[in-house]
Amino acid sequence: MKTQVFIPVLARLAAAGMLLWALGAHTRDFYVLLRWVVCGVSGYSAYRAGVEKKAGWFSVFAAIALMYNPVYPVHLTRAVWTPIFLISAAIMFISAFALGELGRRR
């Protein structure tokens, strides 16, 4: 597996792990870091999906990037964020397999 394929997969899996970790109680700094990481990984994933002409994945990743935007953050209650964290983590995890990057040979 080439590094250029493996790094985005690791980034999405790390973001998924952080999103699951976010279900616990943490300091504000953790949630700020979470926004930067998830927004960055989602933004890059949206870019790659756009390049590969996968419009559905592009839309999903762009929406996640906007939701976790650290510059103009979305402020919601913890009860609302909990399912968003779970859905976002599931998307990050599933996308590593659904986009075929783990089994792809280049």
PDB file of N, CA and C in Angstrom:
ATOM      1  N   MET A   1       0.855  -1.174   0.000  1.00  0.00           N
ATOM      2  CA  MET A   1       0.000   0.000   0.000  1.00  0.00           C
ATOM      3  C   MET A   1       0.896   1.231   0.000  1.00  0.00           C
ATOM      4  N   LYS A   2       0.628   2.116  -0.901  1.00  0.00           N
ATOM      5  CA  LYS A   2       1.445   3.313  -0.992  1.00  0.00           C
ATOM      6  C   LYS A   2       1.089   4.298   0.111  1.00  0.00           C
ATOM      7  N   THR A   3       2.063   5.087   0.510  1.00  0.00           N
ATOM      8  CA  THR A   3       1.874   6.061   1.577  1.00  0.00           C
ATOM      9  C   THR A   3       0.827   7.101   1.211  1.00  0.00           C
ATOM     10  N   GLN A   4       0.783   7.531  -0.039  1.00  0.00           N
ATOM     11  CA  GLN A   4      -0.173   8.572  -0.430  1.00  0.00           C
ATOM     12  C   GLN A   4      -1.615   8.104  -0.283  1.00  0.00           C
ATOM     13  N   VAL A   5      -1.865   6.817  -0.305  1.00  0.00           N
ATOM     14  CA  VAL A   5      -3.206   6.273  -0.098  1.00  0.00           C
ATOM     15  C   VAL A   5      -3.437   6.012   1.387  1.00  0.00           C
ATOM     16  N   PHE A   6      -2.433   5.589   2.084  1.00  0.00           N
ATOM     17  CA  PHE A   6      -2.558   5.166   3.467  1.00  0.00           C
ATOM     18  C   PHE A   6      -2.742   6.340   4.436  1.00  0.00           C
ATOM     19  N   ILE A   7      -2.112   7.465   4.199  1.00  0.00           N
ATOM     20  CA  ILE A   7      -2.192   8.605   5.118  1.00  0.00           C
ATOM     21  C   ILE A   7      -3.613   9.150   5.243  1.00  0.00           C
ATOM     22  N   PRO A   8      -4.369   9.368   4.139  1.00  0.00           N
ATOM     23  CA  PRO A   8      -5.753   9.831   4.317  1.00  0.00           C
ATOM     24  C   PRO A   8      -6.621   8.840   5.098  1.00  0.00           C
ATOM     25  N   VAL A   9      -6.368   7.566   4.920  1.00  0.00           N
ATOM     26  CA  VAL A   9      -7.115   6.559   5.664  1.00  0.00           C
ATOM     27  C   VAL A   9      -6.804   6.675   7.147  1.00  0.00           C
ATOM     28  N   LEU A  10      -5.533   6.791   7.491  1.00  0.00           N
ATOM     29  CA  LEU A  10      -5.149   6.965   8.897  1.00  0.00           C
ATOM     30  C   LEU A  10      -5.728   8.249   9.480  1.00  0.00           C
ATOM     31  N   ALA A  11      -5.730   9.310   8.704  1.00  0.00           N
ATOM     32  CA  ALA A  11      -6.273  10.584   9.183  1.00  0.00           C
ATOM     33  C   ALA A  11      -7.759  10.443   9.496  1.00  0.00           C
ATOM     34  N   ARG A  12      -8.504   9.772   8.614  1.00  0.00           N
ATOM     35  CA  ARG A  12      -9.936   9.576   8.864  1.00  0.00           C
ATOM     36  C   ARG A  12     -10.174   8.676  10.066  1.00  0.00           C
ATOM     37  N   LEU A  13      -9.363   7.647  10.220  1.00  0.00           N
ATOM     38  CA  LEU A  13      -9.520   6.770  11.384  1.00  0.00           C
ATOM     39  C   LEU A  13      -9.160   7.509  12.673  1.00  0.00           C
ATOM     40  N   ALA A  14      -8.143   8.357  12.635  1.00  0.00           N
ATOM     41  CA  ALA A  14      -7.781   9.161  13.813  1.00  0.00           C
ATOM     42  C   ALA A  14      -8.900  10.144  14.153  1.00  0.00           C
ATOM     43  N   ALA A  15      -9.474  10.768  13.130  1.00  0.00           N
ATOM     44  CA  ALA A  15     -10.590  11.693  13.359  1.00  0.00           C
ATOM     45  C   ALA A  15     -11.777  10.947  13.950  1.00  0.00           C
ATOM     46  N   ALA A  16     -12.050   9.738  13.452  1.00  0.00           N
ATOM     47  CA  ALA A  16     -13.148   8.928  14.002  1.00  0.00           C
ATOM     48  C   ALA A  16     -12.891   8.615  15.470  1.00  0.00           C
ATOM     49  N   GLY A  17     -11.649   8.283  15.801  1.00  0.00           N
ATOM     50  CA  GLY A  17     -11.293   8.012  17.195  1.00  0.00           C
ATOM     51  C   GLY A  17     -11.489   9.237  18.079  1.00  0.00           C
ATOM     52  N   MET A  18     -11.077  10.385  17.583  1.00  0.00           N
ATOM     53  CA  MET A  18     -11.268  11.619  18.354  1.00  0.00           C
ATOM     54  C   MET A  18     -12.749  11.922  18.550  1.00  0.00           C
ATOM     55  N   LEU A  19     -13.553  11.678  17.512  1.00  0.00           N
ATOM     56  CA  LEU A  19     -14.991  11.930  17.618  1.00  0.00           C
ATOM     57  C   LEU A  19     -15.637  11.015  18.654  1.00  0.00           C
ATOM     58  N   LEU A  20     -15.201   9.777  18.714  1.00  0.00           N
ATOM     59  CA  LEU A  20     -15.728   8.869  19.737  1.00  0.00           C
ATOM     60  C   LEU A  20     -15.234   9.263  21.126  1.00  0.00           C
ATOM     61  N   TRP A  21     -13.992   9.694  21.206  1.00  0.00           N
ATOM     62  CA  TRP A  21     -13.423  10.149  22.472  1.00  0.00           C
ATOM     63  C   TRP A  21     -14.167  11.393  22.971  1.00  0.00           C
ATOM     64  N   ALA A  22     -14.675  12.192  22.052  1.00  0.00           N
ATOM     65  CA  ALA A  22     -15.380  13.431  22.399  1.00  0.00           C
ATOM     66  C   ALA A  22     -16.690  13.175  23.131  1.00  0.00           C
ATOM     67  N   LEU A  23     -17.159  11.946  23.155  1.00  0.00           N
ATOM     68  CA  LEU A  23     -18.394  11.633  23.868  1.00  0.00           C
ATOM     69  C   LEU A  23     -18.226  11.778  25.379  1.00  0.00           C
ATOM     70  N   GLY A  24     -16.984  11.736  25.842  1.00  0.00           N
ATOM     71  CA  GLY A  24     -16.708  11.934  27.265  1.00  0.00           C
ATOM     72  C   GLY A  24     -16.600  13.424  27.582  1.00  0.00           C
ATOM     73  N   ALA A  25     -16.340  13.714  28.833  1.00  0.00           N
ATOM     74  CA  ALA A  25     -16.177  15.100  29.273  1.00  0.00           C
ATOM     75  C   ALA A  25     -14.709  15.504  29.124  1.00  0.00           C
ATOM     76  N   HIS A  26     -14.470  16.612  28.448  1.00  0.00           N
ATOM     77  CA  HIS A  26     -13.115  17.095  28.197  1.00  0.00           C
ATOM     78  C   HIS A  26     -13.067  18.610  28.352  1.00  0.00           C
ATOM     79  N   THR A  27     -11.861  19.124  28.306  1.00  0.00           N
ATOM     80  CA  THR A  27     -11.686  20.571  28.386  1.00  0.00           C
ATOM     81  C   THR A  27     -12.074  21.210  27.059  1.00  0.00           C
ATOM     82  N   ARG A  28     -12.263  22.488  27.089  1.00  0.00           N
ATOM     83  CA  ARG A  28     -12.605  23.247  25.882  1.00  0.00           C
ATOM     84  C   ARG A  28     -11.510  23.098  24.829  1.00  0.00           C
ATOM     85  N   ASP A  29     -10.254  23.035  25.276  1.00  0.00           N
ATOM     86  CA  ASP A  29      -9.137  22.903  24.335  1.00  0.00           C
ATOM     87  C   ASP A  29      -9.244  21.639  23.485  1.00  0.00           C
ATOM     88  N   PHE A  30      -9.714  20.554  24.077  1.00  0.00           N
ATOM     89  CA  PHE A  30      -9.875  19.318  23.307  1.00  0.00           C
ATOM     90  C   PHE A  30     -10.885  19.525  22.189  1.00  0.00           C
ATOM     91  N   TYR A  31     -12.000  20.189  22.484  1.00  0.00           N
ATOM     92  CA  TYR A  31     -13.037  20.375  21.473  1.00  0.00           C
ATOM     93  C   TYR A  31     -12.594  21.354  20.383  1.00  0.00           C
ATOM     94  N   VAL A  32     -11.752  22.306  20.744  1.00  0.00           N
ATOM     95  CA  VAL A  32     -11.182  23.199  19.725  1.00  0.00           C
ATOM     96  C   VAL A  32     -10.261  22.400  18.800  1.00  0.00           C
ATOM     97  N   LEU A  33      -9.403  21.563  19.381  1.00  0.00           N
ATOM     98  CA  LEU A  33      -8.530  20.704  18.580  1.00  0.00           C
ATOM     99  C   LEU A  33      -9.357  19.751  17.715  1.00  0.00           C
ATOM    100  N   LEU A  34     -10.420  19.195  18.277  1.00  0.00           N
ATOM    101  CA  LEU A  34     -11.305  18.304  17.530  1.00  0.00           C
ATOM    102  C   LEU A  34     -11.857  19.008  16.294  1.00  0.00           C
ATOM    103  N   ARG A  35     -12.302  20.246  16.455  1.00  0.00           N
ATOM    104  CA  ARG A  35     -12.829  21.007  15.312  1.00  0.00           C
ATOM    105  C   ARG A  35     -11.774  21.166  14.224  1.00  0.00           C
ATOM    106  N   TRP A  36     -10.562  21.518  14.594  1.00  0.00           N
ATOM    107  CA  TRP A  36      -9.488  21.705  13.609  1.00  0.00           C
ATOM    108  C   TRP A  36      -9.176  20.405  12.879  1.00  0.00           C
ATOM    109  N   VAL A  37      -9.065  19.326  13.636  1.00  0.00           N
ATOM    110  CA  VAL A  37      -8.714  18.034  13.035  1.00  0.00           C
ATOM    111  C   VAL A  37      -9.827  17.551  12.109  1.00  0.00           C
ATOM    112  N   VAL A  38     -11.056  17.516  12.603  1.00  0.00           N
ATOM    113  CA  VAL A  38     -12.167  16.991  11.806  1.00  0.00           C
ATOM    114  C   VAL A  38     -12.435  17.880  10.591  1.00  0.00           C
ATOM    115  N   CYS A  39     -12.362  19.185  10.766  1.00  0.00           N
ATOM    116  CA  CYS A  39     -12.560  20.089   9.631  1.00  0.00           C
ATOM    117  C   CYS A  39     -11.474  19.880   8.583  1.00  0.00           C
ATOM    118  N   GLY A  40     -10.233  19.769   9.009  1.00  0.00           N
ATOM    119  CA  GLY A  40      -9.129  19.569   8.078  1.00  0.00           C
ATOM    120  C   GLY A  40      -9.217  18.245   7.339  1.00  0.00           C
ATOM    121  N   VAL A  41      -9.482  17.173   8.074  1.00  0.00           N
ATOM    122  CA  VAL A  41      -9.583  15.849   7.451  1.00  0.00           C
ATOM    123  C   VAL A  41     -10.788  15.806   6.504  1.00  0.00           C
ATOM    124  N   SER A  42     -11.900  16.375   6.918  1.00  0.00           N
ATOM    125  CA  SER A  42     -13.096  16.387   6.077  1.00  0.00           C
ATOM    126  C   SER A  42     -12.895  17.261   4.842  1.00  0.00           C
ATOM    127  N   GLY A  43     -12.244  18.393   5.025  1.00  0.00           N
ATOM    128  CA  GLY A  43     -11.976  19.271   3.886  1.00  0.00           C
ATOM    129  C   GLY A  43     -11.094  18.595   2.857  1.00  0.00           C
ATOM    130  N   TYR A  44     -10.050  17.930   3.307  1.00  0.00           N
ATOM    131  CA  TYR A  44      -9.168  17.224   2.380  1.00  0.00           C
ATOM    132  C   TYR A  44      -9.903  16.056   1.721  1.00  0.00           C
ATOM    133  N   SER A  45     -10.708  15.349   2.509  1.00  0.00           N
ATOM    134  CA  SER A  45     -11.466  14.232   1.955  1.00  0.00           C
ATOM    135  C   SER A  45     -12.479  14.713   0.921  1.00  0.00           C
ATOM    136  N   ALA A  46     -13.086  15.874   1.165  1.00  0.00           N
ATOM    137  CA  ALA A  46     -14.011  16.451   0.183  1.00  0.00           C
ATOM    138  C   ALA A  46     -13.265  16.808  -1.094  1.00  0.00           C
ATOM    139  N   TYR A  47     -12.088  17.377  -0.950  1.00  0.00           N
ATOM    140  CA  TYR A  47     -11.259  17.705  -2.113  1.00  0.00           C
ATOM    141  C   TYR A  47     -10.953  16.448  -2.924  1.00  0.00           C
ATOM    142  N   ARG A  48     -10.492  15.383  -2.247  1.00  0.00           N
ATOM    143  CA  ARG A  48     -10.156  14.142  -2.947  1.00  0.00           C
ATOM    144  C   ARG A  48     -11.395  13.533  -3.613  1.00  0.00           C
ATOM    145  N   ALA A  49     -12.534  13.590  -2.932  1.00  0.00           N
ATOM    146  CA  ALA A  49     -13.766  13.062  -3.520  1.00  0.00           C
ATOM    147  C   ALA A  49     -14.156  13.868  -4.753  1.00  0.00           C
ATOM    148  N   GLY A  50     -13.929  15.164  -4.708  1.00  0.00           N
ATOM    149  CA  GLY A  50     -14.216  16.001  -5.871  1.00  0.00           C
ATOM    150  C   GLY A  50     -13.312  15.673  -7.044  1.00  0.00           C
ATOM    151  N   VAL A  51     -12.033  15.470  -6.761  1.00  0.00           N
ATOM    152  CA  VAL A  51     -11.077  15.118  -7.810  1.00  0.00           C
ATOM    153  C   VAL A  51     -11.446  13.777  -8.438  1.00  0.00           C
ATOM    154  N   GLU A  52     -11.896  12.840  -7.608  1.00  0.00           N
ATOM    155  CA  GLU A  52     -12.260  11.512  -8.098  1.00  0.00           C
ATOM    156  C   GLU A  52     -13.702  11.444  -8.594  1.00  0.00           C
ATOM    157  N   LYS A  53     -14.369  12.602  -8.652  1.00  0.00           N
ATOM    158  CA  LYS A  53     -15.738  12.720  -9.158  1.00  0.00           C
ATOM    159  C   LYS A  53     -16.734  11.833  -8.408  1.00  0.00           C
ATOM    160  N   LYS A  54     -16.634  11.874  -7.091  1.00  0.00           N
ATOM    161  CA  LYS A  54     -17.566  11.157  -6.220  1.00  0.00           C
ATOM    162  C   LYS A  54     -18.408  12.205  -5.501  1.00  0.00           C
ATOM    163  N   ALA A  55     -19.451  12.670  -6.197  1.00  0.00           N
ATOM    164  CA  ALA A  55     -20.245  13.804  -5.723  1.00  0.00           C
ATOM    165  C   ALA A  55     -20.914  13.549  -4.375  1.00  0.00           C
ATOM    166  N   GLY A  56     -21.384  12.338  -4.153  1.00  0.00           N
ATOM    167  CA  GLY A  56     -22.036  12.029  -2.878  1.00  0.00           C
ATOM    168  C   GLY A  56     -21.089  12.181  -1.702  1.00  0.00           C
ATOM    169  N   TRP A  57     -19.906  11.600  -1.830  1.00  0.00           N
ATOM    170  CA  TRP A  57     -18.908  11.710  -0.766  1.00  0.00           C
ATOM    171  C   TRP A  57     -18.431  13.153  -0.619  1.00  0.00           C
ATOM    172  N   PHE A  58     -18.317  13.858  -1.734  1.00  0.00           N
ATOM    173  CA  PHE A  58     -17.926  15.267  -1.666  1.00  0.00           C
ATOM    174  C   PHE A  58     -18.917  16.033  -0.790  1.00  0.00           C
ATOM    175  N   SER A  59     -20.202  15.839  -1.036  1.00  0.00           N
ATOM    176  CA  SER A  59     -21.233  16.552  -0.274  1.00  0.00           C
ATOM    177  C   SER A  59     -21.191  16.199   1.209  1.00  0.00           C
ATOM    178  N   VAL A  60     -21.008  14.920   1.509  1.00  0.00           N
ATOM    179  CA  VAL A  60     -20.970  14.477   2.905  1.00  0.00           C
ATOM    180  C   VAL A  60     -19.779  15.099   3.632  1.00  0.00           C
ATOM    181  N   PHE A  61     -18.595  15.011   3.025  1.00  0.00           N
ATOM    182  CA  PHE A  61     -17.401  15.560   3.670  1.00  0.00           C
ATOM    183  C   PHE A  61     -17.448  17.084   3.766  1.00  0.00           C
ATOM    184  N   ALA A  62     -17.999  17.740   2.758  1.00  0.00           N
ATOM    185  CA  ALA A  62     -18.125  19.206   2.815  1.00  0.00           C
ATOM    186  C   ALA A  62     -19.059  19.615   3.949  1.00  0.00           C
ATOM    187  N   ALA A  63     -20.150  18.882   4.131  1.00  0.00           N
ATOM    188  CA  ALA A  63     -21.082  19.187   5.223  1.00  0.00           C
ATOM    189  C   ALA A  63     -20.417  18.991   6.584  1.00  0.00           C
ATOM    190  N   ILE A  64     -19.637  17.924   6.720  1.00  0.00           N
ATOM    191  CA  ILE A  64     -18.926  17.686   7.987  1.00  0.00           C
ATOM    192  C   ILE A  64     -17.906  18.795   8.236  1.00  0.00           C
ATOM    193  N   ALA A  65     -17.178  19.180   7.191  1.00  0.00           N
ATOM    194  CA  ALA A  65     -16.189  20.252   7.340  1.00  0.00           C
ATOM    195  C   ALA A  65     -16.866  21.542   7.795  1.00  0.00           C
ATOM    196  N   LEU A  66     -18.014  21.854   7.234  1.00  0.00           N
ATOM    197  CA  LEU A  66     -18.725  23.067   7.642  1.00  0.00           C
ATOM    198  C   LEU A  66     -19.244  22.962   9.078  1.00  0.00           C
ATOM    199  N   MET A  67     -19.700  21.790   9.455  1.00  0.00           N
ATOM    200  CA  MET A  67     -20.241  21.592  10.801  1.00  0.00           C
ATOM    201  C   MET A  67     -19.167  21.773  11.876  1.00  0.00           C
ATOM    202  N   TYR A  68     -17.944  21.341  11.569  1.00  0.00           N
ATOM    203  CA  TYR A  68     -16.851  21.420  12.542  1.00  0.00           C
ATOM    204  C   TYR A  68     -15.917  22.607  12.281  1.00  0.00           C
ATOM    205  N   ASN A  69     -16.349  23.544  11.478  1.00  0.00           N
ATOM    206  CA  ASN A  69     -15.544  24.719  11.138  1.00  0.00           C
ATOM    207  C   ASN A  69     -15.070  25.429  12.416  1.00  0.00           C
ATOM    208  N   PRO A  70     -13.759  25.541  12.624  1.00  0.00           N
ATOM    209  CA  PRO A  70     -13.262  26.173  13.851  1.00  0.00           C
ATOM    210  C   PRO A  70     -13.264  27.703  13.801  1.00  0.00           C
ATOM    211  N   VAL A  71     -13.356  28.288  12.631  1.00  0.00           N
ATOM    212  CA  VAL A  71     -13.316  29.742  12.513  1.00  0.00           C
ATOM    213  C   VAL A  71     -14.663  30.355  12.881  1.00  0.00           C
ATOM    214  N   TYR A  72     -15.743  29.792  12.351  1.00  0.00           N
ATOM    215  CA  TYR A  72     -17.103  30.214  12.682  1.00  0.00           C
ATOM    216  C   TYR A  72     -17.837  29.004  13.251  1.00  0.00           C
ATOM    217  N   PRO A  73     -17.566  28.666  14.518  1.00  0.00           N
ATOM    218  CA  PRO A  73     -18.089  27.423  15.082  1.00  0.00           C
ATOM    219  C   PRO A  73     -19.614  27.417  15.221  1.00  0.00           C
ATOM    220  N   VAL A  74     -20.169  26.225  15.076  1.00  0.00           N
ATOM    221  CA  VAL A  74     -21.587  25.987  15.311  1.00  0.00           C
ATOM    222  C   VAL A  74     -21.730  25.655  16.791  1.00  0.00           C
ATOM    223  N   HIS A  75     -22.567  26.398  17.494  1.00  0.00           N
ATOM    224  CA  HIS A  75     -22.760  26.181  18.931  1.00  0.00           C
ATOM    225  C   HIS A  75     -24.066  25.444  19.154  1.00  0.00           C
ATOM    226  N   LEU A  76     -23.974  24.221  19.653  1.00  0.00           N
ATOM    227  CA  LEU A  76     -25.131  23.389  19.950  1.00  0.00           C
ATOM    228  C   LEU A  76     -24.984  22.816  21.354  1.00  0.00           C
ATOM    229  N   THR A  77     -26.066  22.277  21.876  1.00  0.00           N
ATOM    230  CA  THR A  77     -26.007  21.668  23.203  1.00  0.00           C
ATOM    231  C   THR A  77     -25.321  20.299  23.115  1.00  0.00           C
ATOM    232  N   ARG A  78     -24.889  19.811  24.247  1.00  0.00           N
ATOM    233  CA  ARG A  78     -24.219  18.508  24.291  1.00  0.00           C
ATOM    234  C   ARG A  78     -25.153  17.394  23.808  1.00  0.00           C
ATOM    235  N   ALA A  79     -26.430  17.519  24.117  1.00  0.00           N
ATOM    236  CA  ALA A  79     -27.402  16.507  23.689  1.00  0.00           C
ATOM    237  C   ALA A  79     -27.511  16.455  22.162  1.00  0.00           C
ATOM    238  N   VAL A  80     -27.309  17.563  21.509  1.00  0.00           N
ATOM    239  CA  VAL A  80     -27.360  17.603  20.049  1.00  0.00           C
ATOM    240  C   VAL A  80     -26.037  17.127  19.453  1.00  0.00           C
ATOM    241  N   TRP A  81     -24.923  17.501  20.086  1.00  0.00           N
ATOM    242  CA  TRP A  81     -23.611  17.103  19.561  1.00  0.00           C
ATOM    243  C   TRP A  81     -23.373  15.599  19.654  1.00  0.00           C
ATOM    244  N   THR A  82     -23.906  14.929  20.667  1.00  0.00           N
ATOM    245  CA  THR A  82     -23.638  13.502  20.860  1.00  0.00           C
ATOM    246  C   THR A  82     -23.971  12.669  19.621  1.00  0.00           C
ATOM    247  N   PRO A  83     -25.190  12.759  19.063  1.00  0.00           N
ATOM    248  CA  PRO A  83     -25.437  11.973  17.848  1.00  0.00           C
ATOM    249  C   PRO A  83     -24.627  12.452  16.646  1.00  0.00           C
ATOM    250  N   ILE A  84     -24.311  13.743  16.606  1.00  0.00           N
ATOM    251  CA  ILE A  84     -23.487  14.270  15.508  1.00  0.00           C
ATOM    252  C   ILE A  84     -22.087  13.663  15.578  1.00  0.00           C
ATOM    253  N   PHE A  85     -21.530  13.554  16.787  1.00  0.00           N
ATOM    254  CA  PHE A  85     -20.222  12.915  16.954  1.00  0.00           C
ATOM    255  C   PHE A  85     -20.275  11.465  16.464  1.00  0.00           C
ATOM    256  N   LEU A  86     -21.316  10.738  16.849  1.00  0.00           N
ATOM    257  CA  LEU A  86     -21.433   9.325  16.471  1.00  0.00           C
ATOM    258  C   LEU A  86     -21.587   9.160  14.958  1.00  0.00           C
ATOM    259  N   ILE A  87     -22.438   9.963  14.352  1.00  0.00           N
ATOM    260  CA  ILE A  87     -22.650   9.883  12.900  1.00  0.00           C
ATOM    261  C   ILE A  87     -21.378  10.266  12.157  1.00  0.00           C
ATOM    262  N   SER A  88     -20.724  11.320  12.600  1.00  0.00           N
ATOM    263  CA  SER A  88     -19.486  11.759  11.949  1.00  0.00           C
ATOM    264  C   SER A  88     -18.400  10.693  12.059  1.00  0.00           C
ATOM    265  N   ALA A  89     -18.281  10.078  13.233  1.00  0.00           N
ATOM    266  CA  ALA A  89     -17.277   9.019  13.424  1.00  0.00           C
ATOM    267  C   ALA A  89     -17.579   7.828  12.512  1.00  0.00           C
ATOM    268  N   ALA A  90     -18.841   7.465  12.414  1.00  0.00           N
ATOM    269  CA  ALA A  90     -19.224   6.349  11.545  1.00  0.00           C
ATOM    270  C   ALA A  90     -18.895   6.658  10.090  1.00  0.00           C
ATOM    271  N   ILE A  91     -19.168   7.873   9.656  1.00  0.00           N
ATOM    272  CA  ILE A  91     -18.863   8.264   8.277  1.00  0.00           C
ATOM    273  C   ILE A  91     -17.365   8.214   8.027  1.00  0.00           C
ATOM    274  N   MET A  92     -16.583   8.723   8.950  1.00  0.00           N
ATOM    275  CA  MET A  92     -15.122   8.705   8.789  1.00  0.00           C
ATOM    276  C   MET A  92     -14.603   7.267   8.697  1.00  0.00           C
ATOM    277  N   PHE A  93     -15.129   6.396   9.548  1.00  0.00           N
ATOM    278  CA  PHE A  93     -14.687   5.006   9.563  1.00  0.00           C
ATOM    279  C   PHE A  93     -15.126   4.276   8.290  1.00  0.00           C
ATOM    280  N   ILE A  94     -16.385   4.392   7.948  1.00  0.00           N
ATOM    281  CA  ILE A  94     -16.925   3.697   6.773  1.00  0.00           C
ATOM    282  C   ILE A  94     -16.271   4.181   5.489  1.00  0.00           C
ATOM    283  N   SER A  95     -15.985   5.469   5.412  1.00  0.00           N
ATOM    284  CA  SER A  95     -15.417   6.024   4.177  1.00  0.00           C
ATOM    285  C   SER A  95     -14.047   5.432   3.852  1.00  0.00           C
ATOM    286  N   ALA A  96     -13.306   5.024   4.869  1.00  0.00           N
ATOM    287  CA  ALA A  96     -11.993   4.419   4.622  1.00  0.00           C
ATOM    288  C   ALA A  96     -12.143   3.133   3.812  1.00  0.00           C
ATOM    289  N   PHE A  97     -13.229   2.417   4.032  1.00  0.00           N
ATOM    290  CA  PHE A  97     -13.476   1.172   3.301  1.00  0.00           C
ATOM    291  C   PHE A  97     -14.295   1.414   2.039  1.00  0.00           C
ATOM    292  N   ALA A  98     -15.309   2.268   2.131  1.00  0.00           N
ATOM    293  CA  ALA A  98     -16.225   2.494   1.009  1.00  0.00           C
ATOM    294  C   ALA A  98     -15.545   3.163  -0.179  1.00  0.00           C
ATOM    295  N   LEU A  99     -14.568   3.991   0.089  1.00  0.00           N
ATOM    296  CA  LEU A  99     -13.869   4.658  -1.007  1.00  0.00           C
ATOM    297  C   LEU A  99     -12.814   3.753  -1.632  1.00  0.00           C
ATOM    298  N   GLY A 100     -12.663   2.570  -1.089  1.00  0.00           N
ATOM    299  CA  GLY A 100     -11.781   1.582  -1.667  1.00  0.00           C
ATOM    300  C   GLY A 100     -10.300   1.837  -1.454  1.00  0.00           C
ATOM    301  N   GLU A 101      -9.946   2.740  -0.548  1.00  0.00           N
ATOM    302  CA  GLU A 101      -8.547   3.105  -0.375  1.00  0.00           C
ATOM    303  C   GLU A 101      -7.751   2.027   0.348  1.00  0.00           C
ATOM    304  N   LEU A 102      -8.402   1.245   1.210  1.00  0.00           N
ATOM    305  CA  LEU A 102      -7.646   0.243   1.949  1.00  0.00           C
ATOM    306  C   LEU A 102      -7.284  -0.957   1.080  1.00  0.00           C
ATOM    307  N   GLY A 103      -8.114  -1.279   0.102  1.00  0.00           N
ATOM    308  CA  GLY A 103      -7.832  -2.432  -0.731  1.00  0.00           C
ATOM    309  C   GLY A 103      -7.270  -2.069  -2.086  1.00  0.00           C
ATOM    310  N   ARG A 104      -7.088  -0.800  -2.356  1.00  0.00           N
ATOM    311  CA  ARG A 104      -6.651  -0.332  -3.672  1.00  0.00           C
ATOM    312  C   ARG A 104      -5.160  -0.599  -3.884  1.00  0.00           C
ATOM    313  N   ARG A 105      -4.818  -1.065  -5.032  1.00  0.00           N
ATOM    314  CA  ARG A 105      -3.415  -1.261  -5.417  1.00  0.00           C
ATOM    315  C   ARG A 105      -3.086  -0.249  -6.477  1.00  0.00           C
ATOM    316  N   ARG A 106      -2.004   0.484  -6.298  1.00  0.00           N
ATOM    317  CA  ARG A 106      -1.560   1.477  -7.287  1.00  0.00           C
ATOM    318  C   ARG A 106      -0.196   1.153  -7.791  1.00  0.00           C
TER     319      ARG A 106
END
